[in-house]
Amino acid sequence: HIIDLGQLANNTDDTGPVRFAATGKARAVGLYDAFMDYEFECDYANGVKLIGRNVTPRGIKLEGSDGWIFIHIHGGKLEAGSPSLLEEKIGEDEINLGRSPDHVRNFIDAVKSGKKEDLTAESIEGHMSASLCHLGNISYRLGEAKALAVDEPFGKHEAANATFRDCRKHLVASGLDAKATKFVMGPELTFDGKTERFTGGAAQAASALLERQGRGKFHA
């Protein structure tokens, strides 16, 4: 859901990033094999960066030329670098992201009416947002183990490196030994959002993970 908000704010609902990189640490035991400790960075064609990591509080931070606003995903509380930003009124000719008070209700109402225009968002927008999770996972699965003590896993991308160091600081404060712990650093992947295919050096290995063997049809 938070990635979906990022796509909405960036006006890229019908496409996605052109570059991905991800790091993380998979759980060795337990029911889930999802990466609960992770960090990813996405670059869009318009120059915007989307950086995500598993820290609290959960939400989305929008940074611009005049400061930043943080939206808490649970409860909708707003914070800002400058409190005056929260007092500003958005004009009709300015960017309005809209608001859907109950997306489950909206889906049911659209099904009952049978009118596509009643949907708050097209289904393709949900697909594009969900694809970011899968593409980040692909980068992770193609990655190599590195020591958590490394300072610049993202190379020249300093914003992502700074975010990684903040995440590591949180883990060390929780008792993790940075020198003895390894994490997986995925390769930098480039992606064509229109054709939904990887490009660049790791394209062949990454593209092999875009699809998997189906489990067959359901039979009643």
C-alpha atoms as a PDB file:
ATOM      1  CA  HIS A   1       0.000   0.000   0.000  1.00  0.00           C
ATOM      2  CA  ILE A   2       2.810   2.426   0.799  1.00  0.00           C
ATOM      3  CA  ILE A   3       4.473   1.759  -2.555  1.00  0.00           C
ATOM      4  CA  ASP A   4       1.104   2.418  -4.185  1.00  0.00           C
ATOM      5  CA  LEU A   5       1.016   5.845  -2.504  1.00  0.00           C
ATOM      6  CA  GLY A   6       4.492   6.545  -3.857  1.00  0.00           C
ATOM      7  CA  GLN A   7       3.361   5.631  -7.369  1.00  0.00           C
ATOM      8  CA  LEU A   8       0.317   7.884  -6.976  1.00  0.00           C
ATOM      9  CA  ALA A   9       2.297  10.862  -5.680  1.00  0.00           C
ATOM     10  CA  ASN A  10       4.822  10.499  -8.509  1.00  0.00           C
ATOM     11  CA  ASN A  11       2.063  10.269 -11.137  1.00  0.00           C
ATOM     12  CA  THR A  12       3.485   6.978 -12.397  1.00  0.00           C
ATOM     13  CA  ASP A  13       0.479   4.699 -11.878  1.00  0.00           C
ATOM     14  CA  ASP A  14       0.720   3.449 -15.459  1.00  0.00           C
ATOM     15  CA  THR A  15       4.432   2.670 -15.405  1.00  0.00           C
ATOM     16  CA  GLY A  16       7.250   2.013 -12.927  1.00  0.00           C
ATOM     17  CA  PRO A  17      10.908   2.641 -12.113  1.00  0.00           C
ATOM     18  CA  VAL A  18      13.710   2.146 -14.627  1.00  0.00           C
ATOM     19  CA  ARG A  19      16.338   0.961 -12.099  1.00  0.00           C
ATOM     20  CA  PHE A  20      16.157  -1.257  -9.014  1.00  0.00           C
ATOM     21  CA  ALA A  21      18.547  -2.329  -6.300  1.00  0.00           C
ATOM     22  CA  ALA A  22      17.706  -4.162  -3.084  1.00  0.00           C
ATOM     23  CA  THR A  23      19.364  -5.561   0.015  1.00  0.00           C
ATOM     24  CA  GLY A  24      17.949  -7.726   2.763  1.00  0.00           C
ATOM     25  CA  LYS A  25      18.209 -10.632   5.114  1.00  0.00           C
ATOM     26  CA  ALA A  26      15.876 -13.616   4.756  1.00  0.00           C
ATOM     27  CA  ARG A  27      14.571 -15.507   7.754  1.00  0.00           C
ATOM     28  CA  ALA A  28      16.258 -18.866   8.241  1.00  0.00           C
ATOM     29  CA  VAL A  29      13.248 -20.430   9.973  1.00  0.00           C
ATOM     30  CA  GLY A  30       9.543 -19.815  10.221  1.00  0.00           C
ATOM     31  CA  LEU A  31       6.456 -19.952   8.048  1.00  0.00           C
ATOM     32  CA  TYR A  32       7.308 -17.003   5.796  1.00  0.00           C
ATOM     33  CA  ASP A  33      10.129 -16.771   3.270  1.00  0.00           C
ATOM     34  CA  ALA A  34       9.512 -13.081   2.551  1.00  0.00           C
ATOM     35  CA  PHE A  35      12.327 -10.663   3.353  1.00  0.00           C
ATOM     36  CA  MET A  36      11.343  -9.010   6.626  1.00  0.00           C
ATOM     37  CA  ASP A  37      14.652  -7.095   6.891  1.00  0.00           C
ATOM     38  CA  TYR A  38      15.164  -5.186   3.668  1.00  0.00           C
ATOM     39  CA  GLU A  39      16.010  -1.951   1.882  1.00  0.00           C
ATOM     40  CA  PHE A  40      15.402  -1.045  -1.746  1.00  0.00           C
ATOM     41  CA  GLU A  41      15.971   1.908  -4.046  1.00  0.00           C
ATOM     42  CA  CYS A  42      14.114   2.648  -7.277  1.00  0.00           C
ATOM     43  CA  ASP A  43      14.936   5.344  -9.847  1.00  0.00           C
ATOM     44  CA  TYR A  44      12.211   6.726 -12.105  1.00  0.00           C
ATOM     45  CA  ALA A  45      12.670   8.215 -15.555  1.00  0.00           C
ATOM     46  CA  ASN A  46      11.616  11.630 -14.226  1.00  0.00           C
ATOM     47  CA  GLY A  47      14.501  11.675 -11.717  1.00  0.00           C
ATOM     48  CA  VAL A  48      12.467  10.773  -8.620  1.00  0.00           C
ATOM     49  CA  LYS A  49      13.867   8.182  -6.202  1.00  0.00           C
ATOM     50  CA  LEU A  50      11.721   5.807  -4.133  1.00  0.00           C
ATOM     51  CA  ILE A  51      13.590   4.351  -1.138  1.00  0.00           C
ATOM     52  CA  GLY A  52      12.004   1.830   1.202  1.00  0.00           C
ATOM     53  CA  ARG A  53      13.081  -0.045   4.327  1.00  0.00           C
ATOM     54  CA  ASN A  54      11.508  -1.974   7.199  1.00  0.00           C
ATOM     55  CA  VAL A  55      11.555   0.572  10.009  1.00  0.00           C
ATOM     56  CA  THR A  56       8.833   2.116  12.099  1.00  0.00           C
ATOM     57  CA  PRO A  57       6.704   4.144  12.090  1.00  0.00           C
ATOM     58  CA  ARG A  58       5.180   2.826   8.871  1.00  0.00           C
ATOM     59  CA  GLY A  59       4.295   5.466   6.346  1.00  0.00           C
ATOM     60  CA  ILE A  60       5.514   7.495   3.400  1.00  0.00           C
ATOM     61  CA  LYS A  61       7.793  10.531   3.472  1.00  0.00           C
ATOM     62  CA  LEU A  62       7.453  12.915   0.544  1.00  0.00           C
ATOM     63  CA  GLU A  63      10.491  15.152   0.057  1.00  0.00           C
ATOM     64  CA  GLY A  64      10.525  18.220  -2.193  1.00  0.00           C
ATOM     65  CA  SER A  65      12.191  21.566  -2.733  1.00  0.00           C
ATOM     66  CA  ASP A  66      10.236  23.172   0.131  1.00  0.00           C
ATOM     67  CA  GLY A  67      10.698  20.435   2.738  1.00  0.00           C
ATOM     68  CA  TRP A  68       9.061  17.122   3.602  1.00  0.00           C
ATOM     69  CA  ILE A  69       5.759  15.649   4.795  1.00  0.00           C
ATOM     70  CA  PHE A  70       5.366  12.252   6.468  1.00  0.00           C
ATOM     71  CA  ILE A  71       2.041  10.404   6.280  1.00  0.00           C
ATOM     72  CA  HIS A  72       1.469   7.660   8.871  1.00  0.00           C
ATOM     73  CA  ILE A  73      -0.089   4.715   7.052  1.00  0.00           C
ATOM     74  CA  HIS A  74      -2.217   3.816  10.088  1.00  0.00           C
ATOM     75  CA  GLY A  75      -4.426   6.667  11.248  1.00  0.00           C
ATOM     76  CA  GLY A  76      -3.362   9.160   8.581  1.00  0.00           C
ATOM     77  CA  LYS A  77      -1.479  11.450  10.979  1.00  0.00           C
ATOM     78  CA  LEU A  78       0.651  14.073   9.211  1.00  0.00           C
ATOM     79  CA  GLU A  79       4.084  15.381  10.177  1.00  0.00           C
ATOM     80  CA  ALA A  80       6.229  17.931   8.368  1.00  0.00           C
ATOM     81  CA  GLY A  81       9.747  19.338   8.519  1.00  0.00           C
ATOM     82  CA  SER A  82       8.117  22.761   8.802  1.00  0.00           C
ATOM     83  CA  PRO A  83       4.727  22.840  10.600  1.00  0.00           C
ATOM     84  CA  SER A  84       3.626  25.672   8.295  1.00  0.00           C
ATOM     85  CA  LEU A  85       3.420  23.162   5.425  1.00  0.00           C
ATOM     86  CA  LEU A  86       0.454  21.519   7.145  1.00  0.00           C
ATOM     87  CA  GLU A  87      -1.413  24.832   7.200  1.00  0.00           C
ATOM     88  CA  GLU A  88      -1.220  25.402   3.459  1.00  0.00           C
ATOM     89  CA  LYS A  89      -4.323  24.972   1.332  1.00  0.00           C
ATOM     90  CA  ILE A  90      -4.041  23.072  -1.962  1.00  0.00           C
ATOM     91  CA  GLY A  91      -5.633  25.031  -4.785  1.00  0.00           C
ATOM     92  CA  GLU A  92      -7.850  23.549  -7.475  1.00  0.00           C
ATOM     93  CA  ASP A  93      -5.141  24.187 -10.097  1.00  0.00           C
ATOM     94  CA  GLU A  94      -2.458  22.458  -7.977  1.00  0.00           C
ATOM     95  CA  ILE A  95      -1.676  18.748  -7.616  1.00  0.00           C
ATOM     96  CA  ASN A  96      -4.438  16.902  -5.751  1.00  0.00           C
ATOM     97  CA  LEU A  97      -3.853  13.204  -5.106  1.00  0.00           C
ATOM     98  CA  GLY A  98      -7.467  12.545  -4.184  1.00  0.00           C
ATOM     99  CA  ARG A  99      -8.762  10.396  -1.375  1.00  0.00           C
ATOM    100  CA  SER A 100     -10.477   7.001  -1.216  1.00  0.00           C
ATOM    101  CA  PRO A 101     -11.983   6.575   2.272  1.00  0.00           C
ATOM    102  CA  ASP A 102     -12.731   2.864   1.763  1.00  0.00           C
ATOM    103  CA  HIS A 103     -11.191   1.084  -1.243  1.00  0.00           C
ATOM    104  CA  VAL A 104     -12.874  -2.222  -0.364  1.00  0.00           C
ATOM    105  CA  ARG A 105     -16.286  -0.517  -0.415  1.00  0.00           C
ATOM    106  CA  ASN A 106     -15.393   1.182  -3.690  1.00  0.00           C
ATOM    107  CA  PHE A 107     -14.568  -2.180  -5.322  1.00  0.00           C
ATOM    108  CA  ILE A 108     -17.868  -3.710  -4.176  1.00  0.00           C
ATOM    109  CA  ASP A 109     -19.846  -0.684  -5.368  1.00  0.00           C
ATOM    110  CA  ALA A 110     -18.159  -0.830  -8.787  1.00  0.00           C
ATOM    111  CA  VAL A 111     -18.935  -4.556  -9.111  1.00  0.00           C
ATOM    112  CA  LYS A 112     -22.598  -3.925  -8.209  1.00  0.00           C
ATOM    113  CA  SER A 113     -22.964  -1.006 -10.621  1.00  0.00           C
ATOM    114  CA  GLY A 114     -21.016  -2.708 -13.413  1.00  0.00           C
ATOM    115  CA  LYS A 115     -19.518   0.682 -14.317  1.00  0.00           C
ATOM    116  CA  LYS A 116     -15.765   0.881 -14.821  1.00  0.00           C
ATOM    117  CA  GLU A 117     -15.810   4.630 -14.191  1.00  0.00           C
ATOM    118  CA  ASP A 118     -16.975   4.033 -10.603  1.00  0.00           C
ATOM    119  CA  LEU A 119     -13.577   2.562  -9.710  1.00  0.00           C
ATOM    120  CA  THR A 120     -11.262   4.882  -7.807  1.00  0.00           C
ATOM    121  CA  ALA A 121      -8.275   3.243  -9.549  1.00  0.00           C
ATOM    122  CA  GLU A 122      -7.788   0.922 -12.501  1.00  0.00           C
ATOM    123  CA  SER A 123      -6.681  -2.653 -11.791  1.00  0.00           C
ATOM    124  CA  ILE A 124      -3.502  -2.021 -13.828  1.00  0.00           C
ATOM    125  CA  GLU A 125      -2.455   0.524 -11.201  1.00  0.00           C
ATOM    126  CA  GLY A 126      -2.544  -2.177  -8.540  1.00  0.00           C
ATOM    127  CA  HIS A 127      -0.487  -4.427 -10.820  1.00  0.00           C
ATOM    128  CA  MET A 128       2.183  -1.760 -11.332  1.00  0.00           C
ATOM    129  CA  SER A 129       2.470  -1.100  -7.581  1.00  0.00           C
ATOM    130  CA  ALA A 130       2.652  -4.813  -6.722  1.00  0.00           C
ATOM    131  CA  SER A 131       5.302  -5.338  -9.405  1.00  0.00           C
ATOM    132  CA  LEU A 132       7.725  -3.141  -7.459  1.00  0.00           C
ATOM    133  CA  CYS A 133       7.681  -5.689  -4.628  1.00  0.00           C
ATOM    134  CA  HIS A 134       8.386  -8.539  -7.048  1.00  0.00           C
ATOM    135  CA  LEU A 135      11.140  -6.661  -8.882  1.00  0.00           C
ATOM    136  CA  GLY A 136      12.858  -5.798  -5.619  1.00  0.00           C
ATOM    137  CA  ASN A 137      12.673  -9.478  -4.648  1.00  0.00           C
ATOM    138  CA  ILE A 138      14.264 -10.449  -7.966  1.00  0.00           C
ATOM    139  CA  SER A 139      17.201  -8.134  -7.286  1.00  0.00           C
ATOM    140  CA  TYR A 140      17.539  -9.685  -3.835  1.00  0.00           C
ATOM    141  CA  ARG A 141      17.411 -13.274  -5.113  1.00  0.00           C
ATOM    142  CA  LEU A 142      20.228 -12.555  -7.546  1.00  0.00           C
ATOM    143  CA  GLY A 143      22.343 -10.938  -4.834  1.00  0.00           C
ATOM    144  CA  GLU A 144      25.505 -11.890  -2.979  1.00  0.00           C
ATOM    145  CA  ALA A 145      26.236 -12.012   0.743  1.00  0.00           C
ATOM    146  CA  LYS A 146      28.146  -9.034   2.158  1.00  0.00           C
ATOM    147  CA  ALA A 147      29.197  -8.007   5.639  1.00  0.00           C
ATOM    148  CA  LEU A 148      26.710  -5.705   7.337  1.00  0.00           C
ATOM    149  CA  ALA A 149      29.659  -3.483   8.304  1.00  0.00           C
ATOM    150  CA  VAL A 150      30.108  -2.284   4.693  1.00  0.00           C
ATOM    151  CA  ASP A 151      29.401   1.451   4.340  1.00  0.00           C
ATOM    152  CA  GLU A 152      28.490   1.907   0.674  1.00  0.00           C
ATOM    153  CA  PRO A 153      26.608  -1.127  -0.662  1.00  0.00           C
ATOM    154  CA  PHE A 154      24.808   1.042  -3.233  1.00  0.00           C
ATOM    155  CA  GLY A 155      28.023   2.450  -4.687  1.00  0.00           C
ATOM    156  CA  LYS A 156      27.578   5.980  -6.015  1.00  0.00           C
ATOM    157  CA  HIS A 157      23.960   6.268  -4.838  1.00  0.00           C
ATOM    158  CA  GLU A 158      24.609   8.169  -1.619  1.00  0.00           C
ATOM    159  CA  ALA A 159      20.964   8.663  -0.613  1.00  0.00           C
ATOM    160  CA  ALA A 160      20.491   4.883  -0.546  1.00  0.00           C
ATOM    161  CA  ASN A 161      23.811   4.391   1.266  1.00  0.00           C
ATOM    162  CA  ALA A 162      22.736   6.865   3.953  1.00  0.00           C
ATOM    163  CA  THR A 163      19.439   5.052   4.356  1.00  0.00           C
ATOM    164  CA  PHE A 164      21.305   1.730   4.639  1.00  0.00           C
ATOM    165  CA  ARG A 165      23.555   3.116   7.374  1.00  0.00           C
ATOM    166  CA  ASP A 166      20.524   4.376   9.294  1.00  0.00           C
ATOM    167  CA  CYS A 167      18.940   0.923   9.018  1.00  0.00           C
ATOM    168  CA  ARG A 168      22.175  -0.708  10.218  1.00  0.00           C
ATOM    169  CA  LYS A 169      22.320   1.679  13.166  1.00  0.00           C
ATOM    170  CA  HIS A 170      18.833   0.533  14.158  1.00  0.00           C
ATOM    171  CA  LEU A 171      19.840  -3.153  13.875  1.00  0.00           C
ATOM    172  CA  VAL A 172      23.031  -2.648  15.900  1.00  0.00           C
ATOM    173  CA  ALA A 173      21.056  -0.829  18.586  1.00  0.00           C
ATOM    174  CA  SER A 174      18.818  -3.906  18.741  1.00  0.00           C
ATOM    175  CA  GLY A 175      21.840  -6.107  19.507  1.00  0.00           C
ATOM    176  CA  LEU A 176      22.993  -7.257  16.075  1.00  0.00           C
ATOM    177  CA  ASP A 177      26.751  -7.656  15.531  1.00  0.00           C
ATOM    178  CA  ALA A 178      27.502  -5.764  12.284  1.00  0.00           C
ATOM    179  CA  LYS A 179      30.886  -7.453  11.789  1.00  0.00           C
ATOM    180  CA  ALA A 180      29.584 -10.989  12.266  1.00  0.00           C
ATOM    181  CA  THR A 181      26.332 -10.538  10.339  1.00  0.00           C
ATOM    182  CA  LYS A 182      25.931 -10.785   6.583  1.00  0.00           C
ATOM    183  CA  PHE A 183      23.175  -9.489   4.364  1.00  0.00           C
ATOM    184  CA  VAL A 184      22.351 -10.014   0.705  1.00  0.00           C
ATOM    185  CA  MET A 185      23.038  -7.169  -1.741  1.00  0.00           C
ATOM    186  CA  GLY A 186      21.162  -7.497  -5.000  1.00  0.00           C
ATOM    187  CA  PRO A 187      22.585  -6.317  -8.340  1.00  0.00           C
ATOM    188  CA  GLU A 188      21.517  -3.061  -9.916  1.00  0.00           C
ATOM    189  CA  LEU A 189      18.777  -3.883 -12.423  1.00  0.00           C
ATOM    190  CA  THR A 190      17.348  -1.733 -15.190  1.00  0.00           C
ATOM    191  CA  PHE A 191      13.785  -2.271 -16.335  1.00  0.00           C
ATOM    192  CA  ASP A 192      11.593  -1.161 -19.227  1.00  0.00           C
ATOM    193  CA  GLY A 193       8.214  -0.422 -17.656  1.00  0.00           C
ATOM    194  CA  LYS A 194       6.408  -0.369 -20.999  1.00  0.00           C
ATOM    195  CA  THR A 195       7.507  -3.817 -22.167  1.00  0.00           C
ATOM    196  CA  GLU A 196       7.919  -5.148 -18.591  1.00  0.00           C
ATOM    197  CA  ARG A 197      11.309  -6.631 -19.416  1.00  0.00           C
ATOM    198  CA  PHE A 198      14.734  -6.234 -17.840  1.00  0.00           C
ATOM    199  CA  THR A 199      17.553  -4.574 -19.757  1.00  0.00           C
ATOM    200  CA  GLY A 200      21.276  -4.296 -19.063  1.00  0.00           C
ATOM    201  CA  GLY A 201      23.925  -6.692 -17.807  1.00  0.00           C
ATOM    202  CA  ALA A 202      21.828  -8.865 -15.495  1.00  0.00           C
ATOM    203  CA  ALA A 203      18.808  -8.967 -17.818  1.00  0.00           C
ATOM    204  CA  GLN A 204      18.947 -12.669 -18.674  1.00  0.00           C
ATOM    205  CA  ALA A 205      19.168 -13.928 -15.087  1.00  0.00           C
ATOM    206  CA  ALA A 206      16.575 -11.422 -13.860  1.00  0.00           C
ATOM    207  CA  SER A 207      14.122 -12.144 -16.689  1.00  0.00           C
ATOM    208  CA  ALA A 208      14.203 -15.850 -15.815  1.00  0.00           C
ATOM    209  CA  LEU A 209      12.559 -14.942 -12.492  1.00  0.00           C
ATOM    210  CA  LEU A 210       9.708 -12.942 -14.007  1.00  0.00           C
ATOM    211  CA  GLU A 211       7.662 -16.090 -14.540  1.00  0.00           C
ATOM    212  CA  ARG A 212       7.350 -19.449 -12.876  1.00  0.00           C
ATOM    213  CA  GLN A 213       5.740 -22.787 -13.540  1.00  0.00           C
ATOM    214  CA  GLY A 214       2.000 -22.620 -12.998  1.00  0.00           C
ATOM    215  CA  ARG A 215       0.270 -24.977 -10.611  1.00  0.00           C
ATOM    216  CA  GLY A 216      -2.414 -25.941 -13.096  1.00  0.00           C
ATOM    217  CA  LYS A 217      -6.090 -25.086 -13.316  1.00  0.00           C
ATOM    218  CA  PHE A 218      -8.615 -25.214 -10.514  1.00  0.00           C
ATOM    219  CA  HIS A 219     -11.347 -27.806 -10.880  1.00  0.00           C
ATOM    220  CA  ALA A 220     -14.694 -27.735  -9.123  1.00  0.00           C
END
